[in-house]
Amino acid sequence: SMKGTKSKAAESKRADTKLSVKKGAAATSKKPAKKEKAVKDPNKPKRPASAFFVFMEEFRKTYKEKHPNNKSVAAVGKAGGEKWKSMSAAEKAPYVAKADKRKVQYEKDVQAYNKKISGEAEDEGSDKSKSEVNDEDEEEAEGSEEDDEDAD
């Protein structure tokens, strides 16, 4: 019988948490804030195009010339994918080489970007810590005044 009472208590606890989640509007209002953080940094280097995408950039142009009335992105992608699959390694080689070049450039860009970011972050950090220290000093000063009153 002991076991039975325990599980009942657990169930009621669970119900309580459900209610609190519903009540807490804070939980829902936090969501947009998270999205803001995920905003892409415009300065962040874009990931380099893979060989297939390098090929597709060119393929789209030729496809448009051959099919001027086609407005379907999916059709172009499908046609490009089919052609890419049917191409030999030798035919793909120039696109692979271009993609590799972009990757090398991208890695350089990322390193430069990360250096810049870490530099900025350090600056921000020192500013923040300064302001935090100041706040603490002010609080301590108030606290010591109260202590003096007690002494009287």
N, C-alpha and C. Protein backbone atom coordinates (compact mmCIF):
# COMPACT_ATOMS: atom_id res chain seq x y z
N SER A 1 0.83 -1.21 0.00
CA SER A 1 0.00 0.00 0.00
C SER A 1 0.87 1.26 0.00
N MET A 2 2.04 1.18 0.59
CA MET A 2 2.96 2.33 0.62
C MET A 2 3.30 2.79 -0.79
N LYS A 3 3.58 1.80 -1.62
CA LYS A 3 3.97 2.12 -3.00
C LYS A 3 2.88 2.93 -3.70
N GLY A 4 1.63 2.53 -3.46
CA GLY A 4 0.52 3.20 -4.11
C GLY A 4 0.47 4.68 -3.75
N THR A 5 0.65 5.00 -2.48
CA THR A 5 0.58 6.40 -2.07
C THR A 5 1.72 7.20 -2.69
N LYS A 6 2.88 6.56 -2.81
CA LYS A 6 4.03 7.29 -3.37
C LYS A 6 3.73 7.72 -4.81
N SER A 7 3.22 6.79 -5.62
CA SER A 7 2.99 7.12 -7.03
C SER A 7 1.94 8.22 -7.14
N LYS A 8 0.93 8.21 -6.27
CA LYS A 8 -0.09 9.26 -6.31
C LYS A 8 0.55 10.63 -6.07
N ALA A 9 1.42 10.69 -5.10
CA ALA A 9 2.09 11.96 -4.80
C ALA A 9 2.88 12.41 -6.02
N ALA A 10 3.55 11.46 -6.66
CA ALA A 10 4.35 11.81 -7.84
C ALA A 10 3.45 12.36 -8.94
N GLU A 11 2.27 11.73 -9.10
CA GLU A 11 1.35 12.19 -10.14
C GLU A 11 0.90 13.63 -9.88
N SER A 12 0.56 13.93 -8.65
CA SER A 12 0.10 15.27 -8.35
C SER A 12 1.22 16.28 -8.58
N LYS A 13 2.44 15.86 -8.27
CA LYS A 13 3.58 16.76 -8.50
C LYS A 13 3.68 17.08 -9.99
N ARG A 14 3.53 16.04 -10.79
CA ARG A 14 3.66 16.22 -12.23
C ARG A 14 2.59 17.20 -12.74
N ALA A 15 1.39 17.06 -12.22
CA ALA A 15 0.30 17.95 -12.63
C ALA A 15 0.66 19.39 -12.30
N ASP A 16 1.25 19.58 -11.12
CA ASP A 16 1.63 20.93 -10.71
C ASP A 16 2.60 21.54 -11.72
N THR A 17 3.62 20.76 -12.13
CA THR A 17 4.60 21.32 -13.05
C THR A 17 3.92 21.71 -14.36
N LYS A 18 2.97 20.89 -14.79
CA LYS A 18 2.26 21.24 -16.03
C LYS A 18 1.58 22.58 -15.91
N LEU A 19 0.90 22.79 -14.78
CA LEU A 19 0.20 24.04 -14.56
C LEU A 19 1.17 25.22 -14.57
N SER A 20 2.28 25.04 -13.86
CA SER A 20 3.21 26.16 -13.74
C SER A 20 3.75 26.54 -15.12
N VAL A 21 3.94 25.54 -15.97
CA VAL A 21 4.45 25.85 -17.31
C VAL A 21 3.42 26.71 -18.05
N LYS A 22 2.14 26.31 -17.94
CA LYS A 22 1.08 27.08 -18.61
C LYS A 22 1.02 28.50 -18.06
N LYS A 23 1.09 28.60 -16.74
CA LYS A 23 0.97 29.91 -16.11
C LYS A 23 2.14 30.81 -16.52
N GLY A 24 3.34 30.24 -16.50
CA GLY A 24 4.53 31.05 -16.73
C GLY A 24 4.60 31.59 -18.15
N ALA A 25 4.13 32.81 -18.36
CA ALA A 25 4.23 33.42 -19.68
C ALA A 25 5.69 33.68 -20.04
N ALA A 26 6.52 33.74 -19.00
CA ALA A 26 7.94 34.00 -19.23
C ALA A 26 8.53 32.95 -20.17
N ALA A 27 8.09 31.71 -20.01
CA ALA A 27 8.64 30.63 -20.84
C ALA A 27 8.38 30.92 -22.32
N THR A 28 7.17 31.38 -22.64
CA THR A 28 6.86 31.61 -24.04
C THR A 28 7.55 32.88 -24.55
N SER A 29 7.67 33.88 -23.69
CA SER A 29 8.27 35.13 -24.15
C SER A 29 9.77 34.98 -24.38
N LYS A 30 10.37 33.94 -23.79
CA LYS A 30 11.81 33.75 -23.97
C LYS A 30 12.14 33.30 -25.39
N LYS A 31 11.21 32.61 -26.03
CA LYS A 31 11.51 32.02 -27.34
C LYS A 31 12.04 33.01 -28.37
N PRO A 32 11.39 34.15 -28.60
CA PRO A 32 11.92 35.07 -29.62
C PRO A 32 13.36 35.51 -29.32
N ALA A 33 13.67 35.63 -28.04
CA ALA A 33 15.02 36.06 -27.66
C ALA A 33 16.05 35.07 -28.19
N LYS A 34 15.68 33.79 -28.12
CA LYS A 34 16.60 32.77 -28.61
C LYS A 34 16.82 32.95 -30.11
N LYS A 35 15.74 33.23 -30.82
CA LYS A 35 15.85 33.40 -32.27
C LYS A 35 16.80 34.55 -32.61
N GLU A 36 16.72 35.61 -31.83
CA GLU A 36 17.58 36.77 -32.09
C GLU A 36 19.05 36.37 -32.06
N LYS A 37 19.40 35.50 -31.11
CA LYS A 37 20.79 35.08 -30.99
C LYS A 37 21.24 34.36 -32.25
N ALA A 38 20.33 33.64 -32.88
CA ALA A 38 20.68 32.85 -34.05
C ALA A 38 20.78 33.69 -35.32
N VAL A 39 20.55 34.99 -35.21
CA VAL A 39 20.69 35.85 -36.39
C VAL A 39 22.10 35.69 -36.94
N LYS A 40 22.16 35.43 -38.24
CA LYS A 40 23.48 35.20 -38.83
C LYS A 40 24.27 36.50 -38.87
N ASP A 41 25.52 36.41 -38.46
CA ASP A 41 26.41 37.57 -38.49
C ASP A 41 26.72 37.86 -39.96
N PRO A 42 26.37 39.06 -40.45
CA PRO A 42 26.64 39.35 -41.87
C PRO A 42 28.13 39.28 -42.21
N ASN A 43 28.99 39.44 -41.21
CA ASN A 43 30.43 39.40 -41.48
C ASN A 43 30.97 37.99 -41.52
N LYS A 44 30.16 37.03 -41.04
CA LYS A 44 30.65 35.66 -40.99
C LYS A 44 30.79 35.11 -42.41
N PRO A 45 31.93 34.49 -42.70
CA PRO A 45 32.12 33.97 -44.07
C PRO A 45 31.07 32.91 -44.39
N LYS A 46 30.59 32.95 -45.63
CA LYS A 46 29.62 31.95 -46.05
C LYS A 46 30.36 30.66 -46.33
N ARG A 47 29.70 29.55 -46.05
CA ARG A 47 30.32 28.27 -46.35
C ARG A 47 30.53 28.16 -47.85
N PRO A 48 31.65 27.59 -48.25
CA PRO A 48 31.95 27.53 -49.69
C PRO A 48 31.02 26.55 -50.40
N ALA A 49 30.76 26.82 -51.67
CA ALA A 49 29.92 25.93 -52.46
C ALA A 49 30.67 24.63 -52.71
N SER A 50 29.94 23.52 -52.65
CA SER A 50 30.55 22.24 -52.99
C SER A 50 30.72 22.17 -54.50
N ALA A 51 31.46 21.18 -54.96
CA ALA A 51 31.69 21.03 -56.40
C ALA A 51 30.36 21.01 -57.15
N PHE A 52 29.38 20.31 -56.58
CA PHE A 52 28.08 20.23 -57.24
C PHE A 52 27.44 21.61 -57.37
N PHE A 53 27.58 22.44 -56.32
CA PHE A 53 26.98 23.77 -56.40
C PHE A 53 27.71 24.66 -57.39
N VAL A 54 29.03 24.48 -57.45
CA VAL A 54 29.79 25.24 -58.45
C VAL A 54 29.27 24.86 -59.83
N PHE A 55 29.06 23.56 -60.02
CA PHE A 55 28.52 23.07 -61.28
C PHE A 55 27.12 23.64 -61.53
N MET A 56 26.30 23.66 -60.47
CA MET A 56 24.93 24.15 -60.63
C MET A 56 24.88 25.62 -61.02
N GLU A 57 25.82 26.42 -60.50
CA GLU A 57 25.83 27.83 -60.87
C GLU A 57 25.91 27.97 -62.39
N GLU A 58 26.79 27.16 -62.96
CA GLU A 58 26.97 27.21 -64.41
C GLU A 58 25.78 26.57 -65.11
N PHE A 59 25.35 25.43 -64.56
CA PHE A 59 24.26 24.67 -65.18
C PHE A 59 23.00 25.51 -65.27
N ARG A 60 22.71 26.29 -64.24
CA ARG A 60 21.50 27.11 -64.25
C ARG A 60 21.50 28.05 -65.45
N LYS A 61 22.65 28.67 -65.70
CA LYS A 61 22.74 29.61 -66.82
C LYS A 61 22.42 28.91 -68.13
N THR A 62 23.08 27.77 -68.37
CA THR A 62 22.86 27.08 -69.63
C THR A 62 21.44 26.55 -69.71
N TYR A 63 20.91 26.10 -68.58
CA TYR A 63 19.55 25.57 -68.56
C TYR A 63 18.56 26.68 -68.90
N LYS A 64 18.81 27.87 -68.37
CA LYS A 64 17.92 29.00 -68.64
C LYS A 64 17.91 29.33 -70.13
N GLU A 65 19.09 29.28 -70.73
CA GLU A 65 19.17 29.58 -72.17
C GLU A 65 18.38 28.55 -72.97
N LYS A 66 18.50 27.29 -72.57
CA LYS A 66 17.80 26.22 -73.30
C LYS A 66 16.30 26.21 -73.01
N HIS A 67 15.95 26.55 -71.74
CA HIS A 67 14.54 26.53 -71.34
C HIS A 67 14.14 27.89 -70.78
N PRO A 68 14.00 28.90 -71.64
CA PRO A 68 13.72 30.26 -71.15
C PRO A 68 12.38 30.39 -70.42
N ASN A 69 11.44 29.49 -70.69
CA ASN A 69 10.11 29.63 -70.08
C ASN A 69 9.99 28.88 -68.76
N ASN A 70 11.03 28.12 -68.40
CA ASN A 70 10.93 27.34 -67.16
C ASN A 70 11.08 28.25 -65.95
N LYS A 71 10.09 28.19 -65.05
CA LYS A 71 10.17 29.02 -63.84
C LYS A 71 10.39 28.14 -62.61
N SER A 72 10.47 26.82 -62.82
CA SER A 72 10.56 25.90 -61.68
C SER A 72 12.00 25.69 -61.23
N VAL A 73 12.25 26.08 -59.99
CA VAL A 73 13.58 25.86 -59.43
C VAL A 73 13.84 24.36 -59.31
N ALA A 74 12.79 23.62 -58.91
CA ALA A 74 12.93 22.19 -58.71
C ALA A 74 13.35 21.50 -60.01
N ALA A 75 12.77 21.93 -61.11
CA ALA A 75 13.09 21.30 -62.40
C ALA A 75 14.56 21.49 -62.74
N VAL A 76 15.06 22.70 -62.49
CA VAL A 76 16.47 22.96 -62.77
C VAL A 76 17.35 22.10 -61.88
N GLY A 77 17.00 22.06 -60.62
CA GLY A 77 17.78 21.27 -59.67
C GLY A 77 17.79 19.80 -60.04
N LYS A 78 16.63 19.30 -60.44
CA LYS A 78 16.53 17.89 -60.79
C LYS A 78 17.37 17.61 -62.03
N ALA A 79 17.23 18.47 -63.04
CA ALA A 79 17.99 18.28 -64.27
C ALA A 79 19.49 18.35 -63.98
N GLY A 80 19.87 19.31 -63.11
CA GLY A 80 21.28 19.44 -62.76
C GLY A 80 21.78 18.22 -62.02
N GLY A 81 20.97 17.73 -61.10
CA GLY A 81 21.35 16.55 -60.34
C GLY A 81 21.54 15.34 -61.24
N GLU A 82 20.60 15.17 -62.18
CA GLU A 82 20.69 14.04 -63.11
C GLU A 82 21.99 14.15 -63.92
N LYS A 83 22.26 15.36 -64.42
CA LYS A 83 23.45 15.53 -65.25
C LYS A 83 24.72 15.28 -64.42
N TRP A 84 24.73 15.82 -63.20
CA TRP A 84 25.90 15.66 -62.33
C TRP A 84 26.19 14.17 -62.10
N LYS A 85 25.12 13.39 -61.86
CA LYS A 85 25.28 11.96 -61.61
C LYS A 85 25.87 11.26 -62.84
N SER A 86 25.48 11.73 -64.01
CA SER A 86 25.91 11.04 -65.23
C SER A 86 27.32 11.48 -65.67
N MET A 87 27.85 12.52 -65.03
CA MET A 87 29.17 13.02 -65.43
C MET A 87 30.30 12.13 -64.90
N SER A 88 31.36 12.07 -65.65
CA SER A 88 32.52 11.30 -65.21
C SER A 88 33.35 12.13 -64.24
N ALA A 89 34.29 11.48 -63.55
CA ALA A 89 35.16 12.19 -62.62
C ALA A 89 35.95 13.27 -63.36
N ALA A 90 36.35 12.97 -64.57
CA ALA A 90 37.12 13.94 -65.36
C ALA A 90 36.27 15.16 -65.67
N GLU A 91 35.00 14.94 -65.96
CA GLU A 91 34.10 16.06 -66.25
C GLU A 91 33.86 16.90 -64.99
N LYS A 92 33.83 16.23 -63.85
CA LYS A 92 33.60 16.95 -62.59
C LYS A 92 34.85 17.67 -62.11
N ALA A 93 36.00 17.22 -62.55
CA ALA A 93 37.29 17.72 -62.02
C ALA A 93 37.37 19.25 -61.95
N PRO A 94 37.04 19.99 -63.02
CA PRO A 94 37.17 21.45 -62.92
C PRO A 94 36.31 22.06 -61.82
N TYR A 95 35.11 21.48 -61.62
CA TYR A 95 34.22 22.00 -60.58
C TYR A 95 34.79 21.66 -59.20
N VAL A 96 35.34 20.46 -59.07
CA VAL A 96 35.94 20.04 -57.81
C VAL A 96 37.11 20.97 -57.48
N ALA A 97 37.92 21.29 -58.49
CA ALA A 97 39.07 22.17 -58.28
C ALA A 97 38.60 23.55 -57.83
N LYS A 98 37.56 24.07 -58.47
CA LYS A 98 37.02 25.38 -58.08
C LYS A 98 36.52 25.34 -56.66
N ALA A 99 35.82 24.27 -56.31
CA ALA A 99 35.27 24.14 -54.96
C ALA A 99 36.40 24.09 -53.94
N ASP A 100 37.47 23.38 -54.28
CA ASP A 100 38.61 23.28 -53.36
C ASP A 100 39.22 24.67 -53.13
N LYS A 101 39.36 25.41 -54.20
CA LYS A 101 39.91 26.77 -54.08
C LYS A 101 39.04 27.60 -53.14
N ARG A 102 37.75 27.50 -53.32
CA ARG A 102 36.82 28.26 -52.46
C ARG A 102 36.96 27.82 -51.02
N LYS A 103 37.15 26.51 -50.83
CA LYS A 103 37.26 26.00 -49.47
C LYS A 103 38.49 26.57 -48.79
N VAL A 104 39.59 26.62 -49.51
CA VAL A 104 40.84 27.17 -48.96
C VAL A 104 40.62 28.63 -48.59
N GLN A 105 40.00 29.38 -49.50
CA GLN A 105 39.73 30.79 -49.25
C GLN A 105 38.80 30.93 -48.04
N TYR A 106 37.81 30.07 -47.98
CA TYR A 106 36.84 30.11 -46.87
C TYR A 106 37.55 29.88 -45.54
N GLU A 107 38.45 28.91 -45.51
CA GLU A 107 39.15 28.62 -44.26
C GLU A 107 39.98 29.82 -43.81
N LYS A 108 40.60 30.51 -44.78
CA LYS A 108 41.35 31.74 -44.45
C LYS A 108 40.38 32.79 -43.89
N ASP A 109 39.26 32.96 -44.55
CA ASP A 109 38.27 33.95 -44.12
C ASP A 109 37.79 33.64 -42.70
N VAL A 110 37.53 32.36 -42.44
CA VAL A 110 37.03 31.97 -41.13
C VAL A 110 38.07 32.27 -40.05
N GLN A 111 39.32 31.98 -40.34
CA GLN A 111 40.37 32.26 -39.36
C GLN A 111 40.43 33.75 -39.06
N ALA A 112 40.38 34.56 -40.11
CA ALA A 112 40.42 36.01 -39.93
C ALA A 112 39.19 36.45 -39.14
N TYR A 113 38.04 35.88 -39.49
CA TYR A 113 36.79 36.24 -38.82
C TYR A 113 36.85 35.87 -37.34
N ASN A 114 37.32 34.66 -37.05
CA ASN A 114 37.39 34.22 -35.65
C ASN A 114 38.34 35.09 -34.84
N LYS A 115 39.46 35.49 -35.45
CA LYS A 115 40.40 36.37 -34.76
C LYS A 115 39.70 37.68 -34.42
N LYS A 116 38.98 38.22 -35.39
CA LYS A 116 38.28 39.49 -35.20
C LYS A 116 37.24 39.34 -34.09
N ILE A 117 36.47 38.25 -34.15
CA ILE A 117 35.42 38.01 -33.16
C ILE A 117 36.02 37.89 -31.77
N SER A 118 37.07 37.08 -31.63
CA SER A 118 37.63 36.87 -30.30
C SER A 118 38.20 38.19 -29.79
N GLY A 119 38.74 39.01 -30.67
CA GLY A 119 39.22 40.33 -30.27
C GLY A 119 38.09 41.18 -29.75
N GLU A 120 36.97 41.19 -30.47
CA GLU A 120 35.81 41.99 -30.06
C GLU A 120 35.25 41.47 -28.75
N ALA A 121 35.18 40.15 -28.63
CA ALA A 121 34.61 39.55 -27.42
C ALA A 121 35.44 39.94 -26.20
N GLU A 122 36.77 39.94 -26.36
CA GLU A 122 37.63 40.30 -25.24
C GLU A 122 37.36 41.74 -24.81
N ASP A 123 37.24 42.64 -25.77
CA ASP A 123 36.95 44.04 -25.45
C ASP A 123 35.64 44.13 -24.68
N GLU A 124 34.61 43.48 -25.20
CA GLU A 124 33.30 43.53 -24.55
C GLU A 124 33.42 42.99 -23.13
N GLY A 125 34.13 41.89 -23.00
CA GLY A 125 34.26 41.25 -21.69
C GLY A 125 34.85 42.21 -20.67
N SER A 126 35.91 42.91 -21.03
CA SER A 126 36.56 43.78 -20.05
C SER A 126 35.62 44.93 -19.68
N ASP A 127 34.88 45.44 -20.65
CA ASP A 127 33.93 46.51 -20.34
C ASP A 127 32.87 46.02 -19.35
N LYS A 128 32.35 44.83 -19.63
CA LYS A 128 31.30 44.28 -18.78
C LYS A 128 31.82 44.11 -17.35
N SER A 129 33.00 43.52 -17.23
CA SER A 129 33.50 43.23 -15.88
C SER A 129 33.71 44.54 -15.13
N LYS A 130 34.14 45.58 -15.81
CA LYS A 130 34.33 46.88 -15.15
C LYS A 130 33.00 47.37 -14.58
N SER A 131 31.95 47.34 -15.39
CA SER A 131 30.66 47.86 -14.93
C SER A 131 30.13 47.01 -13.78
N GLU A 132 30.36 45.69 -13.83
CA GLU A 132 29.89 44.82 -12.75
C GLU A 132 30.60 45.17 -11.45
N VAL A 133 31.90 45.37 -11.54
CA VAL A 133 32.68 45.71 -10.34
C VAL A 133 32.15 47.01 -9.75
N ASN A 134 31.85 47.99 -10.61
CA ASN A 134 31.34 49.27 -10.11
C ASN A 134 30.03 49.07 -9.36
N ASP A 135 29.14 48.27 -9.91
CA ASP A 135 27.86 48.03 -9.24
C ASP A 135 28.10 47.46 -7.86
N GLU A 136 29.01 46.49 -7.77
CA GLU A 136 29.26 45.84 -6.48
C GLU A 136 29.78 46.88 -5.48
N ASP A 137 30.68 47.74 -5.90
CA ASP A 137 31.23 48.76 -5.01
C ASP A 137 30.11 49.61 -4.42
N GLU A 138 29.19 50.02 -5.30
CA GLU A 138 28.10 50.87 -4.83
C GLU A 138 27.28 50.14 -3.77
N GLU A 139 26.98 48.88 -4.03
CA GLU A 139 26.17 48.11 -3.08
C GLU A 139 26.90 48.00 -1.74
N GLU A 140 28.19 47.73 -1.80
CA GLU A 140 28.96 47.58 -0.57
C GLU A 140 28.92 48.88 0.23
N ALA A 141 29.05 50.01 -0.45
CA ALA A 141 29.03 51.30 0.24
C ALA A 141 27.71 51.47 0.97
N GLU A 142 26.58 51.13 0.31
CA GLU A 142 25.28 51.26 0.96
C GLU A 142 25.22 50.38 2.20
N GLY A 143 25.74 49.16 2.04
CA GLY A 143 25.70 48.20 3.14
C GLY A 143 26.45 48.74 4.35
N SER A 144 27.61 49.32 4.14
CA SER A 144 28.42 49.78 5.27
C SER A 144 27.72 50.94 5.98
N GLU A 145 26.97 51.76 5.26
CA GLU A 145 26.24 52.86 5.90
C GLU A 145 25.22 52.29 6.89
N GLU A 146 24.52 51.23 6.48
CA GLU A 146 23.53 50.61 7.36
C GLU A 146 24.21 50.08 8.62
N ASP A 147 25.40 49.50 8.45
CA ASP A 147 26.12 48.95 9.60
C ASP A 147 26.38 50.07 10.60
N ASP A 148 26.76 51.26 10.12
CA ASP A 148 27.05 52.38 11.02
C ASP A 148 25.83 52.70 11.86
N GLU A 149 24.66 52.70 11.22
CA GLU A 149 23.44 53.01 11.96
C GLU A 149 23.22 52.02 13.09
N ASP A 150 23.47 50.75 12.80
CA ASP A 150 23.30 49.72 13.83
C ASP A 150 24.24 50.00 15.01
N ALA A 151 25.45 50.44 14.70
CA ALA A 151 26.46 50.67 15.76
C ALA A 151 25.93 51.74 16.73
N ASP A 152 25.25 52.77 16.23
CA ASP A 152 24.72 53.82 17.11
C ASP A 152 23.66 53.20 17.96
